[in-house]
């Protein structure tokens, strides 16, 4: 829980969080960046297309939300529908904090 709290703190989309989009069952080679080489959410998708927020509920539960407009870049608008949203296709999405070596989602 402490790792998720740190990973989703204010400014995390520009400094810590990275999204890896990995096609699972595709026969053509697609260049994929893992968390070590991927850019941060904000550097890839833009400041206006990413945000994170965290809060504590009245009962004391911790909540964190990370929002990304996946289709905000030309490359993703072109590739994602063909790679992921076609019958029989599958992609894995990993949100990670490379500084802590933690997969957040």
PDB file of N, CA and C in Angstrom:
ATOM      1  N   UNK A   1       0.823  -1.193   0.000  1.00  0.00           N
ATOM      2  CA  UNK A   1       0.000   0.000   0.000  1.00  0.00           C
ATOM      3  C   UNK A   1       0.868   1.258   0.000  1.00  0.00           C
ATOM      4  N   UNK A   2       1.936   1.249   0.733  1.00  0.00           N
ATOM      5  CA  UNK A   2       2.824   2.424   0.766  1.00  0.00           C
ATOM      6  C   UNK A   2       3.404   2.705  -0.612  1.00  0.00           C
ATOM      7  N   UNK A   3       3.723   1.646  -1.361  1.00  0.00           N
ATOM      8  CA  UNK A   3       4.281   1.826  -2.700  1.00  0.00           C
ATOM      9  C   UNK A   3       3.261   2.469  -3.628  1.00  0.00           C
ATOM     10  N   UNK A   4       1.997   2.074  -3.537  1.00  0.00           N
ATOM     11  CA  UNK A   4       0.952   2.666  -4.375  1.00  0.00           C
ATOM     12  C   UNK A   4       0.720   4.121  -3.977  1.00  0.00           C
ATOM     13  N   UNK A   5       0.727   4.415  -2.696  1.00  0.00           N
ATOM     14  CA  UNK A   5       0.561   5.800  -2.239  1.00  0.00           C
ATOM     15  C   UNK A   5       1.663   6.680  -2.812  1.00  0.00           C
ATOM     16  N   UNK A   6       2.888   6.194  -2.759  1.00  0.00           N
ATOM     17  CA  UNK A   6       4.007   6.978  -3.280  1.00  0.00           C
ATOM     18  C   UNK A   6       3.930   7.099  -4.797  1.00  0.00           C
ATOM     19  N   UNK A   7       3.545   6.025  -5.458  1.00  0.00           N
ATOM     20  CA  UNK A   7       3.508   6.011  -6.918  1.00  0.00           C
ATOM     21  C   UNK A   7       2.428   6.919  -7.483  1.00  0.00           C
ATOM     22  N   UNK A   8       1.354   7.146  -6.737  1.00  0.00           N
ATOM     23  CA  UNK A   8       0.242   7.955  -7.250  1.00  0.00           C
ATOM     24  C   UNK A   8       0.185   9.356  -6.652  1.00  0.00           C
ATOM     25  N   UNK A   9       1.245   9.780  -6.007  1.00  0.00           N
ATOM     26  CA  UNK A   9       1.260  11.120  -5.415  1.00  0.00           C
ATOM     27  C   UNK A   9       1.192  12.194  -6.503  1.00  0.00           C
ATOM     28  N   UNK A  10       0.948  13.407  -6.098  1.00  0.00           N
ATOM     29  CA  UNK A  10       0.873  14.529  -7.028  1.00  0.00           C
ATOM     30  C   UNK A  10       2.158  14.609  -7.847  1.00  0.00           C
ATOM     31  N   UNK A  11       2.015  14.761  -9.146  1.00  0.00           N
ATOM     32  CA  UNK A  11       3.167  14.854 -10.032  1.00  0.00           C
ATOM     33  C   UNK A  11       3.685  13.511 -10.522  1.00  0.00           C
ATOM     34  N   UNK A  12       3.056  12.434 -10.111  1.00  0.00           N
ATOM     35  CA  UNK A  12       3.546  11.103 -10.480  1.00  0.00           C
ATOM     36  C   UNK A  12       3.461  10.845 -11.974  1.00  0.00           C
ATOM     37  N   UNK A  13       2.483  11.439 -12.665  1.00  0.00           N
ATOM     38  CA  UNK A  13       2.355  11.185 -14.100  1.00  0.00           C
ATOM     39  C   UNK A  13       3.511  11.791 -14.893  1.00  0.00           C
ATOM     40  N   UNK A  14       4.178  12.788 -14.321  1.00  0.00           N
ATOM     41  CA  UNK A  14       5.313  13.392 -15.024  1.00  0.00           C
ATOM     42  C   UNK A  14       6.653  12.851 -14.574  1.00  0.00           C
ATOM     43  N   UNK A  15       6.699  12.217 -13.404  1.00  0.00           N
ATOM     44  CA  UNK A  15       8.003  11.819 -12.882  1.00  0.00           C
ATOM     45  C   UNK A  15       8.170  10.330 -12.607  1.00  0.00           C
ATOM     46  N   UNK A  16       7.080   9.574 -12.436  1.00  0.00           N
ATOM     47  CA  UNK A  16       7.234   8.198 -11.976  1.00  0.00           C
ATOM     48  C   UNK A  16       6.484   7.161 -12.805  1.00  0.00           C
ATOM     49  N   UNK A  17       5.229   7.442 -13.116  1.00  0.00           N
ATOM     50  CA  UNK A  17       4.367   6.411 -13.694  1.00  0.00           C
ATOM     51  C   UNK A  17       4.594   6.221 -15.187  1.00  0.00           C
ATOM     52  N   UNK A  18       4.641   4.954 -15.579  1.00  0.00           N
ATOM     53  CA  UNK A  18       4.841   4.582 -16.976  1.00  0.00           C
ATOM     54  C   UNK A  18       3.809   3.527 -17.347  1.00  0.00           C
ATOM     55  N   UNK A  19       3.321   3.582 -18.581  1.00  0.00           N
ATOM     56  CA  UNK A  19       2.339   2.628 -19.051  1.00  0.00           C
ATOM     57  C   UNK A  19       2.963   1.797 -20.158  1.00  0.00           C
ATOM     58  N   UNK A  20       2.953   0.484 -19.981  1.00  0.00           N
ATOM     59  CA  UNK A  20       3.438  -0.427 -21.014  1.00  0.00           C
ATOM     60  C   UNK A  20       2.226  -1.068 -21.679  1.00  0.00           C
ATOM     61  N   UNK A  21       2.137  -0.929 -22.995  1.00  0.00           N
ATOM     62  CA  UNK A  21       1.067  -1.529 -23.784  1.00  0.00           C
ATOM     63  C   UNK A  21       1.701  -2.661 -24.580  1.00  0.00           C
ATOM     64  N   UNK A  22       1.312  -3.891 -24.250  1.00  0.00           N
ATOM     65  CA  UNK A  22       1.978  -5.056 -24.842  1.00  0.00           C
ATOM     66  C   UNK A  22       0.962  -5.921 -25.585  1.00  0.00           C
ATOM     67  N   UNK A  23       1.080  -6.012 -26.916  1.00  0.00           N
ATOM     68  CA  UNK A  23       0.203  -6.911 -27.668  1.00  0.00           C
ATOM     69  C   UNK A  23       0.549  -8.361 -27.328  1.00  0.00           C
ATOM     70  N   UNK A  24      -0.459  -9.161 -27.051  1.00  0.00           N
ATOM     71  CA  UNK A  24      -0.225 -10.536 -26.608  1.00  0.00           C
ATOM     72  C   UNK A  24      -0.247 -11.519 -27.763  1.00  0.00           C
ATOM     73  N   UNK A  25      -1.248 -11.464 -28.612  1.00  0.00           N
ATOM     74  CA  UNK A  25      -1.399 -12.477 -29.653  1.00  0.00           C
ATOM     75  C   UNK A  25      -1.423 -11.852 -31.046  1.00  0.00           C
ATOM     76  N   UNK A  26      -0.319 -11.230 -31.391  1.00  0.00           N
ATOM     77  CA  UNK A  26      -0.222 -10.615 -32.712  1.00  0.00           C
ATOM     78  C   UNK A  26       0.997 -11.197 -33.412  1.00  0.00           C
ATOM     79  N   UNK A  27       0.846 -11.455 -34.700  1.00  0.00           N
ATOM     80  CA  UNK A  27       1.902 -12.155 -35.418  1.00  0.00           C
ATOM     81  C   UNK A  27       2.946 -11.224 -36.033  1.00  0.00           C
ATOM     82  N   UNK A  28       2.688  -9.925 -36.100  1.00  0.00           N
ATOM     83  CA  UNK A  28       3.675  -9.012 -36.664  1.00  0.00           C
ATOM     84  C   UNK A  28       4.522  -8.413 -35.540  1.00  0.00           C
ATOM     85  N   UNK A  29       5.784  -8.134 -35.798  1.00  0.00           N
ATOM     86  CA  UNK A  29       6.623  -7.546 -34.750  1.00  0.00           C
ATOM     87  C   UNK A  29       6.222  -6.098 -34.471  1.00  0.00           C
ATOM     88  N   UNK A  30       5.967  -5.808 -33.224  1.00  0.00           N
ATOM     89  CA  UNK A  30       5.603  -4.460 -32.803  1.00  0.00           C
ATOM     90  C   UNK A  30       6.626  -4.020 -31.761  1.00  0.00           C
ATOM     91  N   UNK A  31       7.265  -2.854 -31.984  1.00  0.00           N
ATOM     92  CA  UNK A  31       8.229  -2.399 -30.977  1.00  0.00           C
ATOM     93  C   UNK A  31       7.508  -2.072 -29.670  1.00  0.00           C
ATOM     94  N   UNK A  32       7.966  -2.667 -28.599  1.00  0.00           N
ATOM     95  CA  UNK A  32       7.334  -2.485 -27.293  1.00  0.00           C
ATOM     96  C   UNK A  32       8.381  -1.976 -26.312  1.00  0.00           C
ATOM     97  N   UNK A  33       8.003  -0.951 -25.549  1.00  0.00           N
ATOM     98  CA  UNK A  33       8.884  -0.436 -24.509  1.00  0.00           C
ATOM     99  C   UNK A  33       8.387  -0.930 -23.162  1.00  0.00           C
ATOM    100  N   UNK A  34       9.289  -1.537 -22.413  1.00  0.00           N
ATOM    101  CA  UNK A  34       8.969  -1.915 -21.053  1.00  0.00           C
ATOM    102  C   UNK A  34       9.173  -0.723 -20.141  1.00  0.00           C
ATOM    103  N   UNK A  35       8.931  -0.884 -18.858  1.00  0.00           N
ATOM    104  CA  UNK A  35       9.031   0.253 -17.945  1.00  0.00           C
ATOM    105  C   UNK A  35      10.434   0.849 -17.833  1.00  0.00           C
ATOM    106  N   UNK A  36      11.451   0.087 -18.117  1.00  0.00           N
ATOM    107  CA  UNK A  36      12.816   0.618 -18.011  1.00  0.00           C
ATOM    108  C   UNK A  36      13.087   1.675 -19.087  1.00  0.00           C
ATOM    109  N   UNK A  37      12.524   1.507 -20.277  1.00  0.00           N
ATOM    110  CA  UNK A  37      12.823   2.414 -21.393  1.00  0.00           C
ATOM    111  C   UNK A  37      11.653   3.299 -21.801  1.00  0.00           C
ATOM    112  N   UNK A  38      10.471   3.039 -21.292  1.00  0.00           N
ATOM    113  CA  UNK A  38       9.288   3.837 -21.661  1.00  0.00           C
ATOM    114  C   UNK A  38       9.364   5.225 -21.044  1.00  0.00           C
ATOM    115  N   UNK A  39       8.725   6.171 -21.700  1.00  0.00           N
ATOM    116  CA  UNK A  39       8.613   7.515 -21.140  1.00  0.00           C
ATOM    117  C   UNK A  39       7.530   7.549 -20.073  1.00  0.00           C
ATOM    118  N   UNK A  40       7.530   8.591 -19.276  1.00  0.00           N
ATOM    119  CA  UNK A  40       6.471   8.728 -18.268  1.00  0.00           C
ATOM    120  C   UNK A  40       5.140   9.010 -18.969  1.00  0.00           C
ATOM    121  N   UNK A  41       4.056   8.836 -18.246  1.00  0.00           N
ATOM    122  CA  UNK A  41       2.732   9.075 -18.823  1.00  0.00           C
ATOM    123  C   UNK A  41       2.641  10.461 -19.443  1.00  0.00           C
ATOM    124  N   UNK A  42       3.075  11.445 -18.700  1.00  0.00           N
ATOM    125  CA  UNK A  42       2.957  12.823 -19.176  1.00  0.00           C
ATOM    126  C   UNK A  42       3.850  13.099 -20.374  1.00  0.00           C
ATOM    127  N   UNK A  43       5.045  12.539 -20.407  1.00  0.00           N
ATOM    128  CA  UNK A  43       5.938  12.793 -21.540  1.00  0.00           C
ATOM    129  C   UNK A  43       5.422  12.141 -22.819  1.00  0.00           C
ATOM    130  N   UNK A  44       4.683  11.041 -22.713  1.00  0.00           N
ATOM    131  CA  UNK A  44       4.173  10.367 -23.910  1.00  0.00           C
ATOM    132  C   UNK A  44       2.793  10.877 -24.311  1.00  0.00           C
ATOM    133  N   UNK A  45       1.880  10.977 -23.342  1.00  0.00           N
ATOM    134  CA  UNK A  45       0.494  11.333 -23.658  1.00  0.00           C
ATOM    135  C   UNK A  45       0.209  12.827 -23.536  1.00  0.00           C
ATOM    136  N   UNK A  46       1.037  13.568 -22.819  1.00  0.00           N
ATOM    137  CA  UNK A  46       0.839  15.000 -22.646  1.00  0.00           C
ATOM    138  C   UNK A  46       0.171  15.335 -21.319  1.00  0.00           C
ATOM    139  N   UNK A  47       0.479  16.507 -20.821  1.00  0.00           N
ATOM    140  CA  UNK A  47      -0.012  16.939 -19.510  1.00  0.00           C
ATOM    141  C   UNK A  47      -1.539  17.021 -19.453  1.00  0.00           C
ATOM    142  N   UNK A  48      -2.165  17.428 -20.538  1.00  0.00           N
ATOM    143  CA  UNK A  48      -3.618  17.570 -20.560  1.00  0.00           C
ATOM    144  C   UNK A  48      -4.354  16.242 -20.701  1.00  0.00           C
ATOM    145  N   UNK A  49      -3.624  15.156 -20.884  1.00  0.00           N
ATOM    146  CA  UNK A  49      -4.253  13.858 -21.111  1.00  0.00           C
ATOM    147  C   UNK A  49      -3.959  12.842 -20.013  1.00  0.00           C
ATOM    148  N   UNK A  50      -3.335  13.287 -18.921  1.00  0.00           N
ATOM    149  CA  UNK A  50      -3.024  12.390 -17.807  1.00  0.00           C
ATOM    150  C   UNK A  50      -3.263  13.102 -16.481  1.00  0.00           C
ATOM    151  N   UNK A  51      -3.636  12.342 -15.473  1.00  0.00           N
ATOM    152  CA  UNK A  51      -3.746  12.897 -14.121  1.00  0.00           C
ATOM    153  C   UNK A  51      -3.806  11.760 -13.112  1.00  0.00           C
ATOM    154  N   UNK A  52      -3.500  12.086 -11.874  1.00  0.00           N
ATOM    155  CA  UNK A  52      -3.629  11.115 -10.791  1.00  0.00           C
ATOM    156  C   UNK A  52      -4.183  11.830  -9.575  1.00  0.00           C
ATOM    157  N   UNK A  53      -4.912  11.094  -8.801  1.00  0.00           N
ATOM    158  CA  UNK A  53      -5.532  11.657  -7.603  1.00  0.00           C
ATOM    159  C   UNK A  53      -5.614  10.562  -6.558  1.00  0.00           C
ATOM    160  N   UNK A  54      -5.436  10.935  -5.307  1.00  0.00           N
ATOM    161  CA  UNK A  54      -5.594   9.984  -4.210  1.00  0.00           C
ATOM    162  C   UNK A  54      -6.332  10.651  -3.069  1.00  0.00           C
ATOM    163  N   UNK A  55      -7.058   9.848  -2.305  1.00  0.00           N
ATOM    164  CA  UNK A  55      -7.819  10.356  -1.172  1.00  0.00           C
ATOM    165  C   UNK A  55      -8.105   9.234  -0.196  1.00  0.00           C
ATOM    166  N   UNK A  56      -8.529   9.620   0.979  1.00  0.00           N
ATOM    167  CA  UNK A  56      -8.919   8.672   2.016  1.00  0.00           C
ATOM    168  C   UNK A  56     -10.427   8.788   2.217  1.00  0.00           C
ATOM    169  N   UNK A  57     -11.114   7.668   2.227  1.00  0.00           N
ATOM    170  CA  UNK A  57     -12.556   7.659   2.422  1.00  0.00           C
ATOM    171  C   UNK A  57     -12.880   7.956   3.890  1.00  0.00           C
ATOM    172  N   UNK A  58     -14.129   8.326   4.185  1.00  0.00           N
ATOM    173  CA  UNK A  58     -14.502   8.587   5.578  1.00  0.00           C
ATOM    174  C   UNK A  58     -14.256   7.400   6.507  1.00  0.00           C
ATOM    175  N   UNK A  59     -14.297   6.182   5.949  1.00  0.00           N
ATOM    176  CA  UNK A  59     -14.052   5.001   6.781  1.00  0.00           C
ATOM    177  C   UNK A  59     -12.565   4.673   6.909  1.00  0.00           C
ATOM    178  N   UNK A  60     -11.697   5.488   6.277  1.00  0.00           N
ATOM    179  CA  UNK A  60     -10.256   5.296   6.406  1.00  0.00           C
ATOM    180  C   UNK A  60      -9.612   4.527   5.270  1.00  0.00           C
ATOM    181  N   UNK A  61     -10.387   4.150   4.259  1.00  0.00           N
ATOM    182  CA  UNK A  61      -9.828   3.411   3.121  1.00  0.00           C
ATOM    183  C   UNK A  61      -9.086   4.330   2.167  1.00  0.00           C
ATOM    184  N   UNK A  62      -8.014   3.833   1.590  1.00  0.00           N
ATOM    185  CA  UNK A  62      -7.205   4.601   0.634  1.00  0.00           C
ATOM    186  C   UNK A  62      -7.705   4.341  -0.782  1.00  0.00           C
ATOM    187  N   UNK A  63      -7.830   5.383  -1.578  1.00  0.00           N
ATOM    188  CA  UNK A  63      -8.235   5.272  -2.979  1.00  0.00           C
ATOM    189  C   UNK A  63      -7.263   6.070  -3.831  1.00  0.00           C
ATOM    190  N   UNK A  64      -6.925   5.507  -4.982  1.00  0.00           N
ATOM    191  CA  UNK A  64      -6.076   6.213  -5.945  1.00  0.00           C
ATOM    192  C   UNK A  64      -6.640   5.981  -7.337  1.00  0.00           C
ATOM    193  N   UNK A  65      -6.637   7.025  -8.146  1.00  0.00           N
ATOM    194  CA  UNK A  65      -7.109   6.945  -9.516  1.00  0.00           C
ATOM    195  C   UNK A  65      -6.048   7.562 -10.415  1.00  0.00           C
ATOM    196  N   UNK A  66      -5.710   6.856 -11.488  1.00  0.00           N
ATOM    197  CA  UNK A  66      -4.814   7.385 -12.506  1.00  0.00           C
ATOM    198  C   UNK A  66      -5.605   7.386 -13.802  1.00  0.00           C
ATOM    199  N   UNK A  67      -5.695   8.539 -14.448  1.00  0.00           N
ATOM    200  CA  UNK A  67      -6.460   8.665 -15.687  1.00  0.00           C
ATOM    201  C   UNK A  67      -5.520   8.992 -16.843  1.00  0.00           C
ATOM    202  N   UNK A  68      -5.719   8.257 -17.944  1.00  0.00           N
ATOM    203  CA  UNK A  68      -4.914   8.458 -19.146  1.00  0.00           C
ATOM    204  C   UNK A  68      -5.834   8.382 -20.353  1.00  0.00           C
ATOM    205  N   UNK A  69      -5.744   9.361 -21.229  1.00  0.00           N
ATOM    206  CA  UNK A  69      -6.475   9.318 -22.488  1.00  0.00           C
ATOM    207  C   UNK A  69      -5.600   8.550 -23.474  1.00  0.00           C
ATOM    208  N   UNK A  70      -5.852   7.248 -23.576  1.00  0.00           N
ATOM    209  CA  UNK A  70      -5.005   6.387 -24.405  1.00  0.00           C
ATOM    210  C   UNK A  70      -4.995   6.794 -25.874  1.00  0.00           C
ATOM    211  N   UNK A  71      -6.071   7.390 -26.342  1.00  0.00           N
ATOM    212  CA  UNK A  71      -6.170   7.728 -27.761  1.00  0.00           C
ATOM    213  C   UNK A  71      -5.784   9.174 -28.055  1.00  0.00           C
ATOM    214  N   UNK A  72      -5.052   9.814 -27.159  1.00  0.00           N
ATOM    215  CA  UNK A  72      -4.673  11.217 -27.345  1.00  0.00           C
ATOM    216  C   UNK A  72      -3.501  11.391 -28.310  1.00  0.00           C
ATOM    217  N   UNK A  73      -2.773  10.355 -28.604  1.00  0.00           N
ATOM    218  CA  UNK A  73      -1.660  10.470 -29.553  1.00  0.00           C
ATOM    219  C   UNK A  73      -2.030   9.781 -30.863  1.00  0.00           C
ATOM    220  N   UNK A  74      -1.486  10.274 -31.948  1.00  0.00           N
ATOM    221  CA  UNK A  74      -1.778   9.715 -33.270  1.00  0.00           C
ATOM    222  C   UNK A  74      -1.423   8.236 -33.316  1.00  0.00           C
ATOM    223  N   UNK A  75      -0.279   7.880 -32.786  1.00  0.00           N
ATOM    224  CA  UNK A  75       0.162   6.486 -32.831  1.00  0.00           C
ATOM    225  C   UNK A  75      -0.825   5.568 -32.120  1.00  0.00           C
ATOM    226  N   UNK A  76      -1.278   5.968 -30.943  1.00  0.00           N
ATOM    227  CA  UNK A  76      -2.202   5.126 -30.191  1.00  0.00           C
ATOM    228  C   UNK A  76      -3.577   5.101 -30.856  1.00  0.00           C
ATOM    229  N   UNK A  77      -4.021   6.228 -31.407  1.00  0.00           N
ATOM    230  CA  UNK A  77      -5.314   6.248 -32.115  1.00  0.00           C
ATOM    231  C   UNK A  77      -5.284   5.320 -33.312  1.00  0.00           C
ATOM    232  N   UNK A  78      -4.119   5.186 -33.928  1.00  0.00           N
ATOM    233  CA  UNK A  78      -3.985   4.342 -35.113  1.00  0.00           C
ATOM    234  C   UNK A  78      -3.786   2.883 -34.741  1.00  0.00           C
ATOM    235  N   UNK A  79      -2.936   2.603 -33.754  1.00  0.00           N
ATOM    236  CA  UNK A  79      -2.590   1.224 -33.423  1.00  0.00           C
ATOM    237  C   UNK A  79      -3.571   0.514 -32.498  1.00  0.00           C
ATOM    238  N   UNK A  80      -4.012   1.167 -31.441  1.00  0.00           N
ATOM    239  CA  UNK A  80      -4.843   0.496 -30.434  1.00  0.00           C
ATOM    240  C   UNK A  80      -6.112  -0.112 -31.032  1.00  0.00           C
ATOM    241  N   UNK A  81      -6.887   0.617 -31.847  1.00  0.00           N
ATOM    242  CA  UNK A  81      -8.087  -0.024 -32.392  1.00  0.00           C
ATOM    243  C   UNK A  81      -7.779  -1.272 -33.213  1.00  0.00           C
ATOM    244  N   UNK A  82      -6.683  -1.256 -33.943  1.00  0.00           N
ATOM    245  CA  UNK A  82      -6.329  -2.414 -34.775  1.00  0.00           C
ATOM    246  C   UNK A  82      -5.737  -3.562 -33.958  1.00  0.00           C
ATOM    247  N   UNK A  83      -4.945  -3.219 -32.937  1.00  0.00           N
ATOM    248  CA  UNK A  83      -4.281  -4.255 -32.156  1.00  0.00           C
ATOM    249  C   UNK A  83      -5.139  -4.793 -31.023  1.00  0.00           C
ATOM    250  N   UNK A  84      -5.959  -3.949 -30.430  1.00  0.00           N
ATOM    251  CA  UNK A  84      -6.648  -4.361 -29.210  1.00  0.00           C
ATOM    252  C   UNK A  84      -8.149  -4.511 -29.362  1.00  0.00           C
ATOM    253  N   UNK A  85      -8.756  -3.689 -30.171  1.00  0.00           N
ATOM    254  CA  UNK A  85     -10.210  -3.681 -30.226  1.00  0.00           C
ATOM    255  C   UNK A  85     -10.741  -4.354 -31.478  1.00  0.00           C
ATOM    256  N   UNK A  86     -10.087  -5.411 -31.878  1.00  0.00           N
ATOM    257  CA  UNK A  86     -10.517  -6.250 -32.985  1.00  0.00           C
ATOM    258  C   UNK A  86     -10.750  -7.636 -32.410  1.00  0.00           C
ATOM    259  N   UNK A  87     -11.779  -8.297 -32.907  1.00  0.00           N
ATOM    260  CA  UNK A  87     -12.111  -9.628 -32.384  1.00  0.00           C
ATOM    261  C   UNK A  87     -10.898 -10.559 -32.443  1.00  0.00           C
ATOM    262  N   UNK A  88     -10.629 -11.210 -31.328  1.00  0.00           N
ATOM    263  CA  UNK A  88      -9.526 -12.153 -31.241  1.00  0.00           C
ATOM    264  C   UNK A  88      -8.207 -11.538 -30.793  1.00  0.00           C
ATOM    265  N   UNK A  89      -8.140 -10.224 -30.697  1.00  0.00           N
ATOM    266  CA  UNK A  89      -6.903  -9.555 -30.281  1.00  0.00           C
ATOM    267  C   UNK A  89      -6.901  -9.313 -28.778  1.00  0.00           C
ATOM    268  N   UNK A  90      -5.705  -9.209 -28.231  1.00  0.00           N
ATOM    269  CA  UNK A  90      -5.570  -8.984 -26.799  1.00  0.00           C
ATOM    270  C   UNK A  90      -4.316  -8.158 -26.540  1.00  0.00           C
ATOM    271  N   UNK A  91      -4.417  -7.205 -25.592  1.00  0.00           N
ATOM    272  CA  UNK A  91      -3.241  -6.458 -25.150  1.00  0.00           C
ATOM    273  C   UNK A  91      -3.207  -6.481 -23.630  1.00  0.00           C
ATOM    274  N   UNK A  92      -2.024  -6.375 -23.100  1.00  0.00           N
ATOM    275  CA  UNK A  92      -1.839  -6.218 -21.658  1.00  0.00           C
ATOM    276  C   UNK A  92      -1.400  -4.782 -21.409  1.00  0.00           C
ATOM    277  N   UNK A  93      -1.984  -4.161 -20.393  1.00  0.00           N
ATOM    278  CA  UNK A  93      -1.617  -2.811 -19.985  1.00  0.00           C
ATOM    279  C   UNK A  93      -1.031  -2.880 -18.583  1.00  0.00           C
ATOM    280  N   UNK A  94       0.185  -2.401 -18.423  1.00  0.00           N
ATOM    281  CA  UNK A  94       0.844  -2.400 -17.118  1.00  0.00           C
ATOM    282  C   UNK A  94       1.199  -0.974 -16.736  1.00  0.00           C
ATOM    283  N   UNK A  95       0.659  -0.514 -15.619  1.00  0.00           N
ATOM    284  CA  UNK A  95       1.015   0.782 -15.068  1.00  0.00           C
ATOM    285  C   UNK A  95       2.068   0.520 -14.002  1.00  0.00           C
ATOM    286  N   UNK A  96       3.231   1.124 -14.157  1.00  0.00           N
ATOM    287  CA  UNK A  96       4.319   0.812 -13.232  1.00  0.00           C
ATOM    288  C   UNK A  96       5.018   2.075 -12.747  1.00  0.00           C
ATOM    289  N   UNK A  97       5.652   1.926 -11.614  1.00  0.00           N
ATOM    290  CA  UNK A  97       6.527   2.955 -11.050  1.00  0.00           C
ATOM    291  C   UNK A  97       7.935   2.375 -11.123  1.00  0.00           C
ATOM    292  N   UNK A  98       8.689   2.783 -12.119  1.00  0.00           N
ATOM    293  CA  UNK A  98      10.007   2.206 -12.349  1.00  0.00           C
ATOM    294  C   UNK A  98      10.978   2.530 -11.220  1.00  0.00           C
ATOM    295  N   UNK A  99      10.812   3.684 -10.558  1.00  0.00           N
ATOM    296  CA  UNK A  99      11.695   4.051  -9.446  1.00  0.00           C
ATOM    297  C   UNK A  99      11.632   3.009  -8.332  1.00  0.00           C
ATOM    298  N   UNK A 100      10.424   2.516  -8.047  1.00  0.00           N
ATOM    299  CA  UNK A 100      10.252   1.539  -6.965  1.00  0.00           C
ATOM    300  C   UNK A 100      10.241   0.095  -7.471  1.00  0.00           C
ATOM    301  N   UNK A 101      10.250  -0.080  -8.802  1.00  0.00           N
ATOM    302  CA  UNK A 101      10.145  -1.403  -9.421  1.00  0.00           C
ATOM    303  C   UNK A 101       8.843  -2.093  -8.988  1.00  0.00           C
ATOM    304  N   UNK A 102       7.718  -1.340  -9.110  1.00  0.00           N
ATOM    305  CA  UNK A 102       6.417  -1.815  -8.672  1.00  0.00           C
ATOM    306  C   UNK A 102       5.424  -1.697  -9.812  1.00  0.00           C
ATOM    307  N   UNK A 103       4.656  -2.761 -10.044  1.00  0.00           N
ATOM    308  CA  UNK A 103       3.521  -2.679 -10.966  1.00  0.00           C
ATOM    309  C   UNK A 103       2.333  -2.207 -10.149  1.00  0.00           C
ATOM    310  N   UNK A 104       1.785  -1.069 -10.526  1.00  0.00           N
ATOM    311  CA  UNK A 104       0.683  -0.469  -9.764  1.00  0.00           C
ATOM    312  C   UNK A 104      -0.642  -1.091 -10.185  1.00  0.00           C
ATOM    313  N   UNK A 105      -0.801  -1.358 -11.453  1.00  0.00           N
ATOM    314  CA  UNK A 105      -2.056  -1.928 -11.946  1.00  0.00           C
ATOM    315  C   UNK A 105      -1.780  -2.819 -13.146  1.00  0.00           C
TER     316      UNK A 105
END
